[in-house]
Amino acid sequence: MPVAAAEAPAGRDPSVELRVRTLTPREREILGLLTRGMGTRRIAQELCLCYQTVRSHIYSVFVKLGVHSQLAAVRFALEHGVVEAQGVLAWERRSA
């Protein structure tokens, strides 16, 4: 049995668990803001980051989650409980 499958909590897809765990805290924060409907420029302002830095983080989220758009990333996050509808990070709370 793969290590990721052995560590996944009951009822969770081990591949989803692995993909979510690869996100950095900043990527999770940005994903949460995306689920609140914020665009790249607004996120940059909110976090006091350069626009290009936010774009880079968003691209990393796409790669790590295996999605191709912001909408798909938000959908993944909501479907798998990475964040709740208001962009509140939920993954750490439930995995503890």
PDB file of N, CA and C in Angstrom:
ATOM      1  N   MET A   1       0.848  -1.176   0.000  1.00  0.00           N
ATOM      2  CA  MET A   1       0.000   0.000   0.000  1.00  0.00           C
ATOM      3  C   MET A   1       0.894   1.240   0.000  1.00  0.00           C
ATOM      4  N   PRO A   2       0.638   2.209  -0.876  1.00  0.00           N
ATOM      5  CA  PRO A   2       1.447   3.427  -0.920  1.00  0.00           C
ATOM      6  C   PRO A   2       1.350   4.185   0.395  1.00  0.00           C
ATOM      7  N   VAL A   3       2.396   4.910   0.722  1.00  0.00           N
ATOM      8  CA  VAL A   3       2.441   5.671   1.962  1.00  0.00           C
ATOM      9  C   VAL A   3       1.311   6.687   2.023  1.00  0.00           C
ATOM     10  N   ALA A   4       1.063   7.388   0.921  1.00  0.00           N
ATOM     11  CA  ALA A   4       0.013   8.418   0.913  1.00  0.00           C
ATOM     12  C   ALA A   4      -1.343   7.812   1.254  1.00  0.00           C
ATOM     13  N   ALA A   5      -1.613   6.613   0.756  1.00  0.00           N
ATOM     14  CA  ALA A   5      -2.892   5.976   1.034  1.00  0.00           C
ATOM     15  C   ALA A   5      -2.998   5.596   2.501  1.00  0.00           C
ATOM     16  N   ALA A   6      -1.905   5.170   3.094  1.00  0.00           N
ATOM     17  CA  ALA A   6      -1.928   4.773   4.500  1.00  0.00           C
ATOM     18  C   ALA A   6      -2.147   5.978   5.412  1.00  0.00           C
ATOM     19  N   GLU A   7      -1.697   7.158   5.013  1.00  0.00           N
ATOM     20  CA  GLU A   7      -1.808   8.346   5.843  1.00  0.00           C
ATOM     21  C   GLU A   7      -3.116   9.105   5.637  1.00  0.00           C
ATOM     22  N   ALA A   8      -3.841   8.807   4.575  1.00  0.00           N
ATOM     23  CA  ALA A   8      -5.067   9.547   4.284  1.00  0.00           C
ATOM     24  C   ALA A   8      -6.152   9.196   5.291  1.00  0.00           C
ATOM     25  N   PRO A   9      -6.844  10.186   5.837  1.00  0.00           N
ATOM     26  CA  PRO A   9      -7.949   9.922   6.753  1.00  0.00           C
ATOM     27  C   PRO A   9      -9.030   9.114   6.052  1.00  0.00           C
ATOM     28  N   ALA A  10      -9.783   8.361   6.827  1.00  0.00           N
ATOM     29  CA  ALA A  10     -10.839   7.518   6.267  1.00  0.00           C
ATOM     30  C   ALA A  10     -11.806   8.350   5.438  1.00  0.00           C
ATOM     31  N   GLY A  11     -12.162   7.844   4.273  1.00  0.00           N
ATOM     32  CA  GLY A  11     -13.120   8.510   3.418  1.00  0.00           C
ATOM     33  C   GLY A  11     -12.535   9.543   2.480  1.00  0.00           C
ATOM     34  N   ARG A  12     -11.265   9.827   2.576  1.00  0.00           N
ATOM     35  CA  ARG A  12     -10.636  10.807   1.677  1.00  0.00           C
ATOM     36  C   ARG A  12      -9.833  10.096   0.613  1.00  0.00           C
ATOM     37  N   ASP A  13      -9.878  10.644  -0.573  1.00  0.00           N
ATOM     38  CA  ASP A  13      -9.093  10.127  -1.691  1.00  0.00           C
ATOM     39  C   ASP A  13      -7.626  10.423  -1.427  1.00  0.00           C
ATOM     40  N   PRO A  14      -6.759   9.397  -1.388  1.00  0.00           N
ATOM     41  CA  PRO A  14      -5.341   9.628  -1.103  1.00  0.00           C
ATOM     42  C   PRO A  14      -4.673  10.566  -2.104  1.00  0.00           C
ATOM     43  N   SER A  15      -5.083  10.540  -3.366  1.00  0.00           N
ATOM     44  CA  SER A  15      -4.458  11.429  -4.346  1.00  0.00           C
ATOM     45  C   SER A  15      -4.839  12.881  -4.074  1.00  0.00           C
ATOM     46  N   VAL A  16      -6.061  13.112  -3.623  1.00  0.00           N
ATOM     47  CA  VAL A  16      -6.483  14.472  -3.263  1.00  0.00           C
ATOM     48  C   VAL A  16      -5.690  14.932  -2.055  1.00  0.00           C
ATOM     49  N   GLU A  17      -5.570  14.071  -1.066  1.00  0.00           N
ATOM     50  CA  GLU A  17      -4.814  14.393   0.150  1.00  0.00           C
ATOM     51  C   GLU A  17      -3.386  14.795  -0.204  1.00  0.00           C
ATOM     52  N   LEU A  18      -2.756  14.040  -1.070  1.00  0.00           N
ATOM     53  CA  LEU A  18      -1.373  14.316  -1.465  1.00  0.00           C
ATOM     54  C   LEU A  18      -1.273  15.649  -2.196  1.00  0.00           C
ATOM     55  N   ARG A  19      -2.193  15.897  -3.134  1.00  0.00           N
ATOM     56  CA  ARG A  19      -2.154  17.164  -3.878  1.00  0.00           C
ATOM     57  C   ARG A  19      -2.348  18.360  -2.961  1.00  0.00           C
ATOM     58  N   VAL A  20      -3.262  18.265  -2.023  1.00  0.00           N
ATOM     59  CA  VAL A  20      -3.532  19.384  -1.121  1.00  0.00           C
ATOM     60  C   VAL A  20      -2.348  19.623  -0.192  1.00  0.00           C
ATOM     61  N   ARG A  21      -1.720  18.560   0.274  1.00  0.00           N
ATOM     62  CA  ARG A  21      -0.579  18.722   1.182  1.00  0.00           C
ATOM     63  C   ARG A  21       0.620  19.367   0.507  1.00  0.00           C
ATOM     64  N   THR A  22       0.689  19.335  -0.822  1.00  0.00           N
ATOM     65  CA  THR A  22       1.822  19.963  -1.509  1.00  0.00           C
ATOM     66  C   THR A  22       1.686  21.483  -1.595  1.00  0.00           C
ATOM     67  N   LEU A  23       0.481  22.007  -1.341  1.00  0.00           N
ATOM     68  CA  LEU A  23       0.286  23.457  -1.384  1.00  0.00           C
ATOM     69  C   LEU A  23       0.991  24.125  -0.206  1.00  0.00           C
ATOM     70  N   THR A  24       1.657  25.233  -0.497  1.00  0.00           N
ATOM     71  CA  THR A  24       2.286  26.009   0.567  1.00  0.00           C
ATOM     72  C   THR A  24       1.200  26.808   1.303  1.00  0.00           C
ATOM     73  N   PRO A  25       1.506  27.305   2.498  1.00  0.00           N
ATOM     74  CA  PRO A  25       0.523  28.143   3.196  1.00  0.00           C
ATOM     75  C   PRO A  25       0.081  29.344   2.359  1.00  0.00           C
ATOM     76  N   ARG A  26       0.991  29.974   1.630  1.00  0.00           N
ATOM     77  CA  ARG A  26       0.640  31.128   0.798  1.00  0.00           C
ATOM     78  C   ARG A  26      -0.275  30.700  -0.351  1.00  0.00           C
ATOM     79  N   GLU A  27      -0.002  29.549  -0.951  1.00  0.00           N
ATOM     80  CA  GLU A  27      -0.860  29.060  -2.033  1.00  0.00           C
ATOM     81  C   GLU A  27      -2.262  28.754  -1.507  1.00  0.00           C
ATOM     82  N   ARG A  28      -2.352  28.195  -0.313  1.00  0.00           N
ATOM     83  CA  ARG A  28      -3.666  27.940   0.290  1.00  0.00           C
ATOM     84  C   ARG A  28      -4.400  29.254   0.563  1.00  0.00           C
ATOM     85  N   GLU A  29      -3.650  30.239   1.029  1.00  0.00           N
ATOM     86  CA  GLU A  29      -4.251  31.541   1.301  1.00  0.00           C
ATOM     87  C   GLU A  29      -4.805  32.149   0.009  1.00  0.00           C
ATOM     88  N   ILE A  30      -4.026  32.089  -1.042  1.00  0.00           N
ATOM     89  CA  ILE A  30      -4.462  32.633  -2.331  1.00  0.00           C
ATOM     90  C   ILE A  30      -5.644  31.846  -2.876  1.00  0.00           C
ATOM     91  N   LEU A  31      -5.627  30.536  -2.737  1.00  0.00           N
ATOM     92  CA  LEU A  31      -6.756  29.715  -3.172  1.00  0.00           C
ATOM     93  C   LEU A  31      -8.020  30.107  -2.406  1.00  0.00           C
ATOM     94  N   GLY A  32      -7.889  30.360  -1.124  1.00  0.00           N
ATOM     95  CA  GLY A  32      -9.028  30.816  -0.334  1.00  0.00           C
ATOM     96  C   GLY A  32      -9.582  32.142  -0.831  1.00  0.00           C
ATOM     97  N   LEU A  33      -8.690  33.060  -1.199  1.00  0.00           N
ATOM     98  CA  LEU A  33      -9.136  34.356  -1.725  1.00  0.00           C
ATOM     99  C   LEU A  33      -9.784  34.200  -3.100  1.00  0.00           C
ATOM    100  N   LEU A  34      -9.283  33.270  -3.899  1.00  0.00           N
ATOM    101  CA  LEU A  34      -9.931  33.002  -5.185  1.00  0.00           C
ATOM    102  C   LEU A  34     -11.360  32.509  -4.985  1.00  0.00           C
ATOM    103  N   THR A  35     -11.567  31.668  -3.979  1.00  0.00           N
ATOM    104  CA  THR A  35     -12.919  31.158  -3.738  1.00  0.00           C
ATOM    105  C   THR A  35     -13.860  32.240  -3.237  1.00  0.00           C
ATOM    106  N   ARG A  36     -13.303  33.325  -2.733  1.00  0.00           N
ATOM    107  CA  ARG A  36     -14.129  34.465  -2.312  1.00  0.00           C
ATOM    108  C   ARG A  36     -14.417  35.387  -3.479  1.00  0.00           C
ATOM    109  N   GLY A  37     -13.948  35.025  -4.670  1.00  0.00           N
ATOM    110  CA  GLY A  37     -14.243  35.799  -5.866  1.00  0.00           C
ATOM    111  C   GLY A  37     -13.251  36.893  -6.181  1.00  0.00           C
ATOM    112  N   MET A  38     -12.146  36.918  -5.483  1.00  0.00           N
ATOM    113  CA  MET A  38     -11.145  37.952  -5.743  1.00  0.00           C
ATOM    114  C   MET A  38     -10.342  37.616  -6.990  1.00  0.00           C
ATOM    115  N   GLY A  39     -10.016  38.648  -7.740  1.00  0.00           N
ATOM    116  CA  GLY A  39      -9.160  38.501  -8.906  1.00  0.00           C
ATOM    117  C   GLY A  39      -7.694  38.669  -8.525  1.00  0.00           C
ATOM    118  N   THR A  40      -6.836  38.448  -9.467  1.00  0.00           N
ATOM    119  CA  THR A  40      -5.397  38.495  -9.223  1.00  0.00           C
ATOM    120  C   THR A  40      -4.945  39.854  -8.699  1.00  0.00           C
ATOM    121  N   ARG A  41      -5.404  40.923  -9.308  1.00  0.00           N
ATOM    122  CA  ARG A  41      -4.994  42.269  -8.865  1.00  0.00           C
ATOM    123  C   ARG A  41      -5.473  42.561  -7.442  1.00  0.00           C
ATOM    124  N   ARG A  42      -6.684  42.159  -7.143  1.00  0.00           N
ATOM    125  CA  ARG A  42      -7.231  42.397  -5.798  1.00  0.00           C
ATOM    126  C   ARG A  42      -6.464  41.586  -4.748  1.00  0.00           C
ATOM    127  N   ILE A  43      -6.124  40.357  -5.087  1.00  0.00           N
ATOM    128  CA  ILE A  43      -5.335  39.520  -4.176  1.00  0.00           C
ATOM    129  C   ILE A  43      -3.977  40.158  -3.927  1.00  0.00           C
ATOM    130  N   ALA A  44      -3.362  40.668  -4.987  1.00  0.00           N
ATOM    131  CA  ALA A  44      -2.059  41.325  -4.853  1.00  0.00           C
ATOM    132  C   ALA A  44      -2.160  42.510  -3.898  1.00  0.00           C
ATOM    133  N   GLN A  45      -3.209  43.297  -4.033  1.00  0.00           N
ATOM    134  CA  GLN A  45      -3.408  44.435  -3.132  1.00  0.00           C
ATOM    135  C   GLN A  45      -3.641  43.961  -1.700  1.00  0.00           C
ATOM    136  N   GLU A  46      -4.481  42.980  -1.547  1.00  0.00           N
ATOM    137  CA  GLU A  46      -4.846  42.461  -0.221  1.00  0.00           C
ATOM    138  C   GLU A  46      -3.633  41.929   0.535  1.00  0.00           C
ATOM    139  N   LEU A  47      -2.742  41.232  -0.186  1.00  0.00           N
ATOM    140  CA  LEU A  47      -1.583  40.603   0.455  1.00  0.00           C
ATOM    141  C   LEU A  47      -0.305  41.428   0.335  1.00  0.00           C
ATOM    142  N   CYS A  48      -0.411  42.603  -0.268  1.00  0.00           N
ATOM    143  CA  CYS A  48       0.758  43.470  -0.491  1.00  0.00           C
ATOM    144  C   CYS A  48       1.859  42.735  -1.255  1.00  0.00           C
ATOM    145  N   LEU A  49       1.437  42.089  -2.330  1.00  0.00           N
ATOM    146  CA  LEU A  49       2.362  41.361  -3.189  1.00  0.00           C
ATOM    147  C   LEU A  49       2.309  41.941  -4.597  1.00  0.00           C
ATOM    148  N   CYS A  50       3.338  41.698  -5.337  1.00  0.00           N
ATOM    149  CA  CYS A  50       3.386  42.075  -6.740  1.00  0.00           C
ATOM    150  C   CYS A  50       2.386  41.212  -7.526  1.00  0.00           C
ATOM    151  N   TYR A  51       1.762  41.817  -8.522  1.00  0.00           N
ATOM    152  CA  TYR A  51       0.815  41.110  -9.380  1.00  0.00           C
ATOM    153  C   TYR A  51       1.433  39.833  -9.951  1.00  0.00           C
ATOM    154  N   GLN A  52       2.660  39.925 -10.440  1.00  0.00           N
ATOM    155  CA  GLN A  52       3.323  38.761 -11.037  1.00  0.00           C
ATOM    156  C   GLN A  52       3.569  37.654 -10.007  1.00  0.00           C
ATOM    157  N   THR A  53       3.831  38.036  -8.766  1.00  0.00           N
ATOM    158  CA  THR A  53       4.029  37.045  -7.710  1.00  0.00           C
ATOM    159  C   THR A  53       2.740  36.264  -7.470  1.00  0.00           C
ATOM    160  N   VAL A  54       1.631  36.966  -7.434  1.00  0.00           N
ATOM    161  CA  VAL A  54       0.339  36.307  -7.249  1.00  0.00           C
ATOM    162  C   VAL A  54       0.056  35.387  -8.428  1.00  0.00           C
ATOM    163  N   ARG A  55       0.319  35.854  -9.634  1.00  0.00           N
ATOM    164  CA  ARG A  55       0.120  35.004 -10.814  1.00  0.00           C
ATOM    165  C   ARG A  55       0.960  33.737 -10.722  1.00  0.00           C
ATOM    166  N   SER A  56       2.187  33.880 -10.242  1.00  0.00           N
ATOM    167  CA  SER A  56       3.070  32.730 -10.082  1.00  0.00           C
ATOM    168  C   SER A  56       2.501  31.739  -9.058  1.00  0.00           C
ATOM    169  N   HIS A  57       1.996  32.253  -7.947  1.00  0.00           N
ATOM    170  CA  HIS A  57       1.383  31.377  -6.939  1.00  0.00           C
ATOM    171  C   HIS A  57       0.162  30.664  -7.508  1.00  0.00           C
ATOM    172  N   ILE A  58      -0.659  31.391  -8.253  1.00  0.00           N
ATOM    173  CA  ILE A  58      -1.852  30.791  -8.846  1.00  0.00           C
ATOM    174  C   ILE A  58      -1.458  29.689  -9.826  1.00  0.00           C
ATOM    175  N   TYR A  59      -0.443  29.941 -10.630  1.00  0.00           N
ATOM    176  CA  TYR A  59       0.035  28.922 -11.566  1.00  0.00           C
ATOM    177  C   TYR A  59       0.498  27.681 -10.800  1.00  0.00           C
ATOM    178  N   SER A  60       1.205  27.879  -9.688  1.00  0.00           N
ATOM    179  CA  SER A  60       1.666  26.751  -8.875  1.00  0.00           C
ATOM    180  C   SER A  60       0.487  25.956  -8.325  1.00  0.00           C
ATOM    181  N   VAL A  61      -0.560  26.658  -7.926  1.00  0.00           N
ATOM    182  CA  VAL A  61      -1.771  25.981  -7.455  1.00  0.00           C
ATOM    183  C   VAL A  61      -2.341  25.116  -8.578  1.00  0.00           C
ATOM    184  N   PHE A  62      -2.418  25.666  -9.787  1.00  0.00           N
ATOM    185  CA  PHE A  62      -2.924  24.907 -10.935  1.00  0.00           C
ATOM    186  C   PHE A  62      -2.131  23.618 -11.120  1.00  0.00           C
ATOM    187  N   VAL A  63      -0.825  23.737 -11.126  1.00  0.00           N
ATOM    188  CA  VAL A  63       0.042  22.583 -11.359  1.00  0.00           C
ATOM    189  C   VAL A  63      -0.153  21.543 -10.259  1.00  0.00           C
ATOM    190  N   LYS A  64      -0.146  21.985  -9.021  1.00  0.00           N
ATOM    191  CA  LYS A  64      -0.231  21.054  -7.897  1.00  0.00           C
ATOM    192  C   LYS A  64      -1.589  20.372  -7.795  1.00  0.00           C
ATOM    193  N   LEU A  65      -2.649  21.077  -8.141  1.00  0.00           N
ATOM    194  CA  LEU A  65      -3.987  20.486  -8.082  1.00  0.00           C
ATOM    195  C   LEU A  65      -4.370  19.776  -9.370  1.00  0.00           C
ATOM    196  N   GLY A  66      -3.600  19.993 -10.435  1.00  0.00           N
ATOM    197  CA  GLY A  66      -3.892  19.350 -11.713  1.00  0.00           C
ATOM    198  C   GLY A  66      -5.085  19.960 -12.421  1.00  0.00           C
ATOM    199  N   VAL A  67      -5.213  21.283 -12.326  1.00  0.00           N
ATOM    200  CA  VAL A  67      -6.305  21.998 -12.982  1.00  0.00           C
ATOM    201  C   VAL A  67      -5.738  22.999 -13.977  1.00  0.00           C
ATOM    202  N   HIS A  68      -6.630  23.601 -14.798  1.00  0.00           N
ATOM    203  CA  HIS A  68      -6.157  24.493 -15.852  1.00  0.00           C
ATOM    204  C   HIS A  68      -6.748  25.899 -15.803  1.00  0.00           C
ATOM    205  N   SER A  69      -7.547  26.188 -14.778  1.00  0.00           N
ATOM    206  CA  SER A  69      -8.146  27.514 -14.693  1.00  0.00           C
ATOM    207  C   SER A  69      -8.446  27.862 -13.244  1.00  0.00           C
ATOM    208  N   GLN A  70      -8.715  29.143 -13.010  1.00  0.00           N
ATOM    209  CA  GLN A  70      -9.076  29.580 -11.661  1.00  0.00           C
ATOM    210  C   GLN A  70     -10.403  28.958 -11.246  1.00  0.00           C
ATOM    211  N   LEU A  71     -11.336  28.883 -12.174  1.00  0.00           N
ATOM    212  CA  LEU A  71     -12.627  28.274 -11.872  1.00  0.00           C
ATOM    213  C   LEU A  71     -12.458  26.814 -11.471  1.00  0.00           C
ATOM    214  N   ALA A  72     -11.622  26.087 -12.189  1.00  0.00           N
ATOM    215  CA  ALA A  72     -11.381  24.680 -11.855  1.00  0.00           C
ATOM    216  C   ALA A  72     -10.691  24.537 -10.497  1.00  0.00           C
ATOM    217  N   ALA A  73      -9.786  25.449 -10.176  1.00  0.00           N
ATOM    218  CA  ALA A  73      -9.112  25.416  -8.871  1.00  0.00           C
ATOM    219  C   ALA A  73     -10.112  25.671  -7.749  1.00  0.00           C
ATOM    220  N   VAL A  74     -10.985  26.642  -7.936  1.00  0.00           N
ATOM    221  CA  VAL A  74     -12.007  26.948  -6.939  1.00  0.00           C
ATOM    222  C   VAL A  74     -12.946  25.752  -6.778  1.00  0.00           C
ATOM    223  N   ARG A  75     -13.346  25.169  -7.880  1.00  0.00           N
ATOM    224  CA  ARG A  75     -14.233  23.999  -7.828  1.00  0.00           C
ATOM    225  C   ARG A  75     -13.575  22.853  -7.075  1.00  0.00           C
ATOM    226  N   PHE A  76     -12.316  22.572  -7.377  1.00  0.00           N
ATOM    227  CA  PHE A  76     -11.571  21.524  -6.688  1.00  0.00           C
ATOM    228  C   PHE A  76     -11.549  21.801  -5.186  1.00  0.00           C
ATOM    229  N   ALA A  77     -11.228  23.041  -4.823  1.00  0.00           N
ATOM    230  CA  ALA A  77     -11.122  23.417  -3.410  1.00  0.00           C
ATOM    231  C   ALA A  77     -12.445  23.235  -2.681  1.00  0.00           C
ATOM    232  N   LEU A  78     -13.537  23.614  -3.305  1.00  0.00           N
ATOM    233  CA  LEU A  78     -14.845  23.487  -2.669  1.00  0.00           C
ATOM    234  C   LEU A  78     -15.313  22.039  -2.623  1.00  0.00           C
ATOM    235  N   GLU A  79     -15.119  21.299  -3.705  1.00  0.00           N
ATOM    236  CA  GLU A  79     -15.558  19.903  -3.758  1.00  0.00           C
ATOM    237  C   GLU A  79     -14.811  19.018  -2.770  1.00  0.00           C
ATOM    238  N   HIS A  80     -13.548  19.310  -2.558  1.00  0.00           N
ATOM    239  CA  HIS A  80     -12.722  18.459  -1.703  1.00  0.00           C
ATOM    240  C   HIS A  80     -12.515  19.040  -0.308  1.00  0.00           C
ATOM    241  N   GLY A  81     -13.213  20.109  -0.012  1.00  0.00           N
ATOM    242  CA  GLY A  81     -13.166  20.663   1.329  1.00  0.00           C
ATOM    243  C   GLY A  81     -11.861  21.329   1.703  1.00  0.00           C
ATOM    244  N   VAL A  82     -11.102  21.772   0.707  1.00  0.00           N
ATOM    245  CA  VAL A  82      -9.864  22.494   0.997  1.00  0.00           C
ATOM    246  C   VAL A  82     -10.203  23.837   1.611  1.00  0.00           C
ATOM    247  N   VAL A  83     -11.229  24.469   1.093  1.00  0.00           N
ATOM    248  CA  VAL A  83     -11.755  25.714   1.647  1.00  0.00           C
ATOM    249  C   VAL A  83     -13.272  25.609   1.666  1.00  0.00           C
ATOM    250  N   GLU A  84     -13.881  26.417   2.507  1.00  0.00           N
ATOM    251  CA  GLU A  84     -15.331  26.482   2.543  1.00  0.00           C
ATOM    252  C   GLU A  84     -15.783  27.608   1.632  1.00  0.00           C
ATOM    253  N   ALA A  85     -17.053  27.744   1.441  1.00  0.00           N
ATOM    254  CA  ALA A  85     -17.605  28.685   0.473  1.00  0.00           C
ATOM    255  C   ALA A  85     -17.142  30.124   0.673  1.00  0.00           C
ATOM    256  N   GLN A  86     -16.876  30.546   1.895  1.00  0.00           N
ATOM    257  CA  GLN A  86     -16.446  31.917   2.134  1.00  0.00           C
ATOM    258  C   GLN A  86     -14.933  32.058   2.031  1.00  0.00           C
ATOM    259  N   GLY A  87     -14.228  31.038   1.585  1.00  0.00           N
ATOM    260  CA  GLY A  87     -12.786  31.114   1.441  1.00  0.00           C
ATOM    261  C   GLY A  87     -12.037  30.803   2.720  1.00  0.00           C
ATOM    262  N   VAL A  88     -12.733  30.299   3.724  1.00  0.00           N
ATOM    263  CA  VAL A  88     -12.093  29.940   4.981  1.00  0.00           C
ATOM    264  C   VAL A  88     -11.354  28.632   4.789  1.00  0.00           C
ATOM    265  N   LEU A  89     -10.104  28.587   5.198  1.00  0.00           N
ATOM    266  CA  LEU A  89      -9.330  27.360   5.057  1.00  0.00           C
ATOM    267  C   LEU A  89      -9.906  26.300   5.968  1.00  0.00           C
ATOM    268  N   ALA A  90     -10.267  25.165   5.401  1.00  0.00           N
ATOM    269  CA  ALA A  90     -10.921  24.118   6.167  1.00  0.00           C
ATOM    270  C   ALA A  90     -10.078  22.867   6.301  1.00  0.00           C
ATOM    271  N   TRP A  91      -9.129  22.679   5.441  1.00  0.00           N
ATOM    272  CA  TRP A  91      -8.394  21.414   5.368  1.00  0.00           C
ATOM    273  C   TRP A  91      -7.681  21.087   6.664  1.00  0.00           C
ATOM    274  N   GLU A  92      -6.932  22.023   7.240  1.00  0.00           N
ATOM    275  CA  GLU A  92      -6.158  21.755   8.443  1.00  0.00           C
ATOM    276  C   GLU A  92      -7.062  21.432   9.621  1.00  0.00           C
ATOM    277  N   ARG A  93      -8.183  22.135   9.722  1.00  0.00           N
ATOM    278  CA  ARG A  93      -9.101  21.939  10.841  1.00  0.00           C
ATOM    279  C   ARG A  93      -9.658  20.524  10.831  1.00  0.00           C
ATOM    280  N   ARG A  94     -10.036  20.003   9.652  1.00  0.00           N
ATOM    281  CA  ARG A  94     -10.640  18.685   9.578  1.00  0.00           C
ATOM    282  C   ARG A  94      -9.615  17.568   9.616  1.00  0.00           C
ATOM    283  N   SER A  95      -8.393  17.832   9.209  1.00  0.00           N
ATOM    284  CA  SER A  95      -7.394  16.768   9.184  1.00  0.00           C
ATOM    285  C   SER A  95      -6.714  16.601  10.532  1.00  0.00           C
ATOM    286  N   ALA A  96      -6.964  17.509  11.459  1.00  0.00           N
ATOM    287  CA  ALA A  96      -6.333  17.418  12.781  1.00  0.00           C
ATOM    288  C   ALA A  96      -7.015  16.376  13.646  1.00  0.00           C
TER     289      ALA A  96
END
